[in-house]
Amino acid sequence: MTREEAKHSGIRQFGEVLRGWRNRKSKSQKKMAHSLGVSQSSISDWERGINEPSRAQLVRVLHYLEVDEGLWPILMKAPGGKNRTKR
């Protein structure tokens, strides 16, 4: 994902962005959930916009999907309009 795409990702629902990252990495919800220590239903809920990951979970997701750390400040603010840079 480019810096420009990341800036515009705030416009789209976080779940759509997450699903796109996961699909680009060819990871199943089940495999991702196992690697992150969450349930598959949690991943599904995040992707469907029912729930969002905590800040700690989001950091693990970004590591798992190998998202460039330079994009993190932008992405930490995008999901649901919440500022995830604060603890």
N, C-alpha and C. Protein backbone atom coordinates (compact mmCIF):
# COMPACT_ATOMS: atom_id res chain seq x y z
N MET A 1 0.85 -1.18 0.00
CA MET A 1 0.00 0.00 0.00
C MET A 1 0.89 1.23 0.00
N THR A 2 0.56 2.17 -0.86
CA THR A 2 1.34 3.40 -0.95
C THR A 2 0.87 4.38 0.11
N ARG A 3 1.67 5.39 0.33
CA ARG A 3 1.32 6.44 1.29
C ARG A 3 0.00 7.12 0.89
N GLU A 4 -0.17 7.34 -0.41
CA GLU A 4 -1.40 7.98 -0.90
C GLU A 4 -2.62 7.10 -0.65
N GLU A 5 -2.49 5.81 -0.88
CA GLU A 5 -3.59 4.88 -0.61
C GLU A 5 -3.94 4.89 0.88
N ALA A 6 -2.92 4.93 1.71
CA ALA A 6 -3.16 4.93 3.15
C ALA A 6 -3.92 6.18 3.58
N LYS A 7 -3.58 7.31 3.01
CA LYS A 7 -4.28 8.55 3.36
C LYS A 7 -5.76 8.45 3.02
N HIS A 8 -6.06 7.84 1.88
CA HIS A 8 -7.44 7.72 1.45
C HIS A 8 -8.18 6.57 2.10
N SER A 9 -7.45 5.69 2.78
CA SER A 9 -8.09 4.54 3.41
C SER A 9 -9.02 4.96 4.54
N GLY A 10 -8.78 6.14 5.12
CA GLY A 10 -9.65 6.62 6.17
C GLY A 10 -11.07 6.87 5.69
N ILE A 11 -11.21 7.10 4.39
CA ILE A 11 -12.52 7.32 3.80
C ILE A 11 -13.31 6.01 3.77
N ARG A 12 -12.62 4.93 3.48
CA ARG A 12 -13.27 3.62 3.40
C ARG A 12 -13.36 3.01 4.79
N GLN A 13 -14.22 2.06 4.92
CA GLN A 13 -14.36 1.37 6.18
C GLN A 13 -13.08 0.57 6.46
N PHE A 14 -12.67 0.55 7.72
CA PHE A 14 -11.47 -0.18 8.11
C PHE A 14 -11.55 -1.64 7.68
N GLY A 15 -12.70 -2.25 7.83
CA GLY A 15 -12.86 -3.66 7.48
C GLY A 15 -12.53 -3.95 6.03
N GLU A 16 -12.91 -3.05 5.14
CA GLU A 16 -12.60 -3.22 3.73
C GLU A 16 -11.10 -3.15 3.50
N VAL A 17 -10.46 -2.24 4.19
CA VAL A 17 -9.01 -2.09 4.06
C VAL A 17 -8.32 -3.33 4.61
N LEU A 18 -8.75 -3.78 5.77
CA LEU A 18 -8.16 -4.97 6.38
C LEU A 18 -8.32 -6.18 5.46
N ARG A 19 -9.51 -6.38 4.93
CA ARG A 19 -9.75 -7.52 4.02
C ARG A 19 -8.83 -7.42 2.80
N GLY A 20 -8.66 -6.22 2.28
CA GLY A 20 -7.76 -6.04 1.14
C GLY A 20 -6.33 -6.40 1.45
N TRP A 21 -5.83 -5.95 2.60
CA TRP A 21 -4.46 -6.29 3.01
C TRP A 21 -4.32 -7.80 3.17
N ARG A 22 -5.29 -8.39 3.83
CA ARG A 22 -5.23 -9.84 4.10
C ARG A 22 -5.24 -10.62 2.79
N ASN A 23 -6.11 -10.23 1.88
CA ASN A 23 -6.19 -10.92 0.60
C ASN A 23 -4.92 -10.75 -0.23
N ARG A 24 -4.32 -9.56 -0.20
CA ARG A 24 -3.08 -9.34 -0.94
C ARG A 24 -1.95 -10.23 -0.43
N LYS A 25 -2.00 -10.54 0.85
CA LYS A 25 -0.98 -11.42 1.45
C LYS A 25 -1.38 -12.89 1.37
N SER A 26 -2.54 -13.17 0.75
CA SER A 26 -3.06 -14.54 0.59
C SER A 26 -3.17 -15.27 1.93
N LYS A 27 -3.69 -14.57 2.93
CA LYS A 27 -3.89 -15.16 4.25
C LYS A 27 -5.39 -15.38 4.47
N SER A 28 -5.73 -16.53 5.02
CA SER A 28 -7.13 -16.79 5.37
C SER A 28 -7.43 -16.13 6.71
N GLN A 29 -8.71 -15.93 6.98
CA GLN A 29 -9.10 -15.40 8.29
C GLN A 29 -8.63 -16.35 9.38
N LYS A 30 -8.76 -17.65 9.13
CA LYS A 30 -8.39 -18.65 10.13
C LYS A 30 -6.89 -18.58 10.45
N LYS A 31 -6.06 -18.52 9.41
CA LYS A 31 -4.62 -18.47 9.62
C LYS A 31 -4.21 -17.17 10.33
N MET A 32 -4.80 -16.07 9.90
CA MET A 32 -4.50 -14.78 10.51
C MET A 32 -4.91 -14.78 11.98
N ALA A 33 -6.11 -15.28 12.26
CA ALA A 33 -6.60 -15.32 13.64
C ALA A 33 -5.67 -16.15 14.52
N HIS A 34 -5.26 -17.30 14.02
CA HIS A 34 -4.36 -18.17 14.79
C HIS A 34 -3.04 -17.46 15.08
N SER A 35 -2.48 -16.81 14.07
CA SER A 35 -1.20 -16.11 14.24
C SER A 35 -1.29 -14.94 15.20
N LEU A 36 -2.47 -14.29 15.24
CA LEU A 36 -2.64 -13.11 16.10
C LEU A 36 -3.18 -13.47 17.49
N GLY A 37 -3.58 -14.72 17.68
CA GLY A 37 -4.11 -15.13 18.98
C GLY A 37 -5.51 -14.62 19.26
N VAL A 38 -6.30 -14.49 18.19
CA VAL A 38 -7.70 -14.07 18.32
C VAL A 38 -8.56 -15.11 17.61
N SER A 39 -9.86 -15.01 17.77
CA SER A 39 -10.75 -15.95 17.11
C SER A 39 -10.97 -15.53 15.65
N GLN A 40 -11.34 -16.51 14.84
CA GLN A 40 -11.66 -16.22 13.45
C GLN A 40 -12.85 -15.28 13.38
N SER A 41 -13.78 -15.41 14.33
CA SER A 41 -14.94 -14.52 14.32
C SER A 41 -14.53 -13.08 14.60
N SER A 42 -13.45 -12.87 15.36
CA SER A 42 -12.94 -11.51 15.58
C SER A 42 -12.48 -10.88 14.27
N ILE A 43 -11.72 -11.65 13.49
CA ILE A 43 -11.26 -11.15 12.20
C ILE A 43 -12.47 -10.83 11.31
N SER A 44 -13.43 -11.74 11.28
CA SER A 44 -14.64 -11.54 10.50
C SER A 44 -15.38 -10.28 10.95
N ASP A 45 -15.51 -10.10 12.27
CA ASP A 45 -16.19 -8.92 12.80
C ASP A 45 -15.46 -7.64 12.41
N TRP A 46 -14.13 -7.65 12.46
CA TRP A 46 -13.36 -6.48 12.07
C TRP A 46 -13.61 -6.16 10.60
N GLU A 47 -13.58 -7.19 9.77
CA GLU A 47 -13.74 -6.97 8.33
C GLU A 47 -15.16 -6.54 7.96
N ARG A 48 -16.14 -6.95 8.73
CA ARG A 48 -17.53 -6.57 8.46
C ARG A 48 -17.93 -5.27 9.16
N GLY A 49 -17.01 -4.69 9.92
CA GLY A 49 -17.29 -3.43 10.59
C GLY A 49 -18.15 -3.56 11.83
N ILE A 50 -18.27 -4.76 12.35
CA ILE A 50 -19.06 -4.99 13.56
C ILE A 50 -18.28 -4.57 14.79
N ASN A 51 -16.99 -4.78 14.75
CA ASN A 51 -16.11 -4.45 15.86
C ASN A 51 -14.78 -4.03 15.26
N GLU A 52 -13.94 -3.39 16.07
CA GLU A 52 -12.61 -2.98 15.62
C GLU A 52 -11.56 -3.52 16.57
N PRO A 53 -10.37 -3.75 16.07
CA PRO A 53 -9.30 -4.22 16.95
C PRO A 53 -8.87 -3.12 17.91
N SER A 54 -8.38 -3.54 19.06
CA SER A 54 -7.79 -2.59 19.99
C SER A 54 -6.49 -2.06 19.38
N ARG A 55 -5.91 -1.06 19.99
CA ARG A 55 -4.65 -0.52 19.50
C ARG A 55 -3.59 -1.61 19.46
N ALA A 56 -3.48 -2.41 20.52
CA ALA A 56 -2.48 -3.48 20.57
C ALA A 56 -2.74 -4.52 19.47
N GLN A 57 -4.01 -4.86 19.26
CA GLN A 57 -4.34 -5.82 18.21
C GLN A 57 -4.02 -5.24 16.84
N LEU A 58 -4.30 -3.97 16.65
CA LEU A 58 -4.03 -3.33 15.37
C LEU A 58 -2.53 -3.34 15.07
N VAL A 59 -1.72 -3.08 16.07
CA VAL A 59 -0.26 -3.13 15.88
C VAL A 59 0.16 -4.53 15.45
N ARG A 60 -0.39 -5.56 16.08
CA ARG A 60 -0.07 -6.94 15.70
C ARG A 60 -0.52 -7.22 14.26
N VAL A 61 -1.70 -6.71 13.89
CA VAL A 61 -2.20 -6.89 12.52
C VAL A 61 -1.23 -6.25 11.53
N LEU A 62 -0.80 -5.03 11.80
CA LEU A 62 0.11 -4.32 10.90
C LEU A 62 1.43 -5.06 10.75
N HIS A 63 1.95 -5.60 11.86
CA HIS A 63 3.17 -6.42 11.79
C HIS A 63 2.93 -7.67 10.96
N TYR A 64 1.85 -8.37 11.27
CA TYR A 64 1.54 -9.63 10.60
C TYR A 64 1.40 -9.45 9.09
N LEU A 65 0.75 -8.39 8.68
CA LEU A 65 0.53 -8.14 7.26
C LEU A 65 1.68 -7.37 6.61
N GLU A 66 2.73 -7.10 7.40
CA GLU A 66 3.95 -6.45 6.91
C GLU A 66 3.67 -5.10 6.27
N VAL A 67 2.83 -4.32 6.95
CA VAL A 67 2.53 -2.96 6.49
C VAL A 67 3.71 -2.07 6.86
N ASP A 68 4.17 -1.28 5.92
CA ASP A 68 5.30 -0.37 6.14
C ASP A 68 5.05 0.49 7.37
N GLU A 69 5.99 0.49 8.29
CA GLU A 69 5.82 1.24 9.54
C GLU A 69 5.67 2.74 9.31
N GLY A 70 6.14 3.25 8.19
CA GLY A 70 5.96 4.65 7.86
C GLY A 70 4.50 5.03 7.66
N LEU A 71 3.66 4.03 7.38
CA LEU A 71 2.23 4.27 7.18
C LEU A 71 1.43 4.17 8.48
N TRP A 72 2.02 3.63 9.51
CA TRP A 72 1.30 3.38 10.75
C TRP A 72 0.61 4.61 11.34
N PRO A 73 1.27 5.77 11.42
CA PRO A 73 0.58 6.93 12.02
C PRO A 73 -0.71 7.28 11.31
N ILE A 74 -0.73 7.15 10.00
CA ILE A 74 -1.94 7.43 9.23
C ILE A 74 -2.99 6.37 9.51
N LEU A 75 -2.59 5.12 9.48
CA LEU A 75 -3.52 4.01 9.64
C LEU A 75 -4.05 3.89 11.06
N MET A 76 -3.27 4.30 12.03
CA MET A 76 -3.70 4.22 13.42
C MET A 76 -4.85 5.20 13.69
N LYS A 77 -5.00 6.21 12.83
CA LYS A 77 -6.08 7.17 12.99
C LYS A 77 -7.29 6.83 12.14
N ALA A 78 -7.11 6.00 11.10
CA ALA A 78 -8.17 5.74 10.13
C ALA A 78 -9.35 4.92 10.64
N PRO A 79 -9.13 3.79 11.33
CA PRO A 79 -10.27 2.94 11.67
C PRO A 79 -11.34 3.65 12.47
N GLY A 80 -12.52 3.68 11.93
CA GLY A 80 -13.67 4.22 12.64
C GLY A 80 -13.53 5.67 13.06
N GLY A 81 -12.54 6.37 12.52
CA GLY A 81 -12.34 7.76 12.90
C GLY A 81 -11.73 7.93 14.28
N LYS A 82 -11.34 6.84 14.91
CA LYS A 82 -10.75 6.91 16.25
C LYS A 82 -9.26 7.17 16.13
N ASN A 83 -8.73 7.97 17.01
CA ASN A 83 -7.29 8.22 17.05
C ASN A 83 -6.67 7.11 17.88
N ARG A 84 -5.98 6.19 17.23
CA ARG A 84 -5.39 5.05 17.92
C ARG A 84 -3.95 5.30 18.29
N THR A 85 -3.45 6.52 18.14
CA THR A 85 -2.06 6.79 18.52
C THR A 85 -1.93 7.02 20.00
N LYS A 86 -3.03 7.23 20.68
CA LYS A 86 -3.02 7.45 22.13
C LYS A 86 -3.28 6.14 22.83
N ARG A 87 -2.79 6.02 24.05
CA ARG A 87 -3.02 4.79 24.82
C ARG A 87 -4.29 4.86 25.59
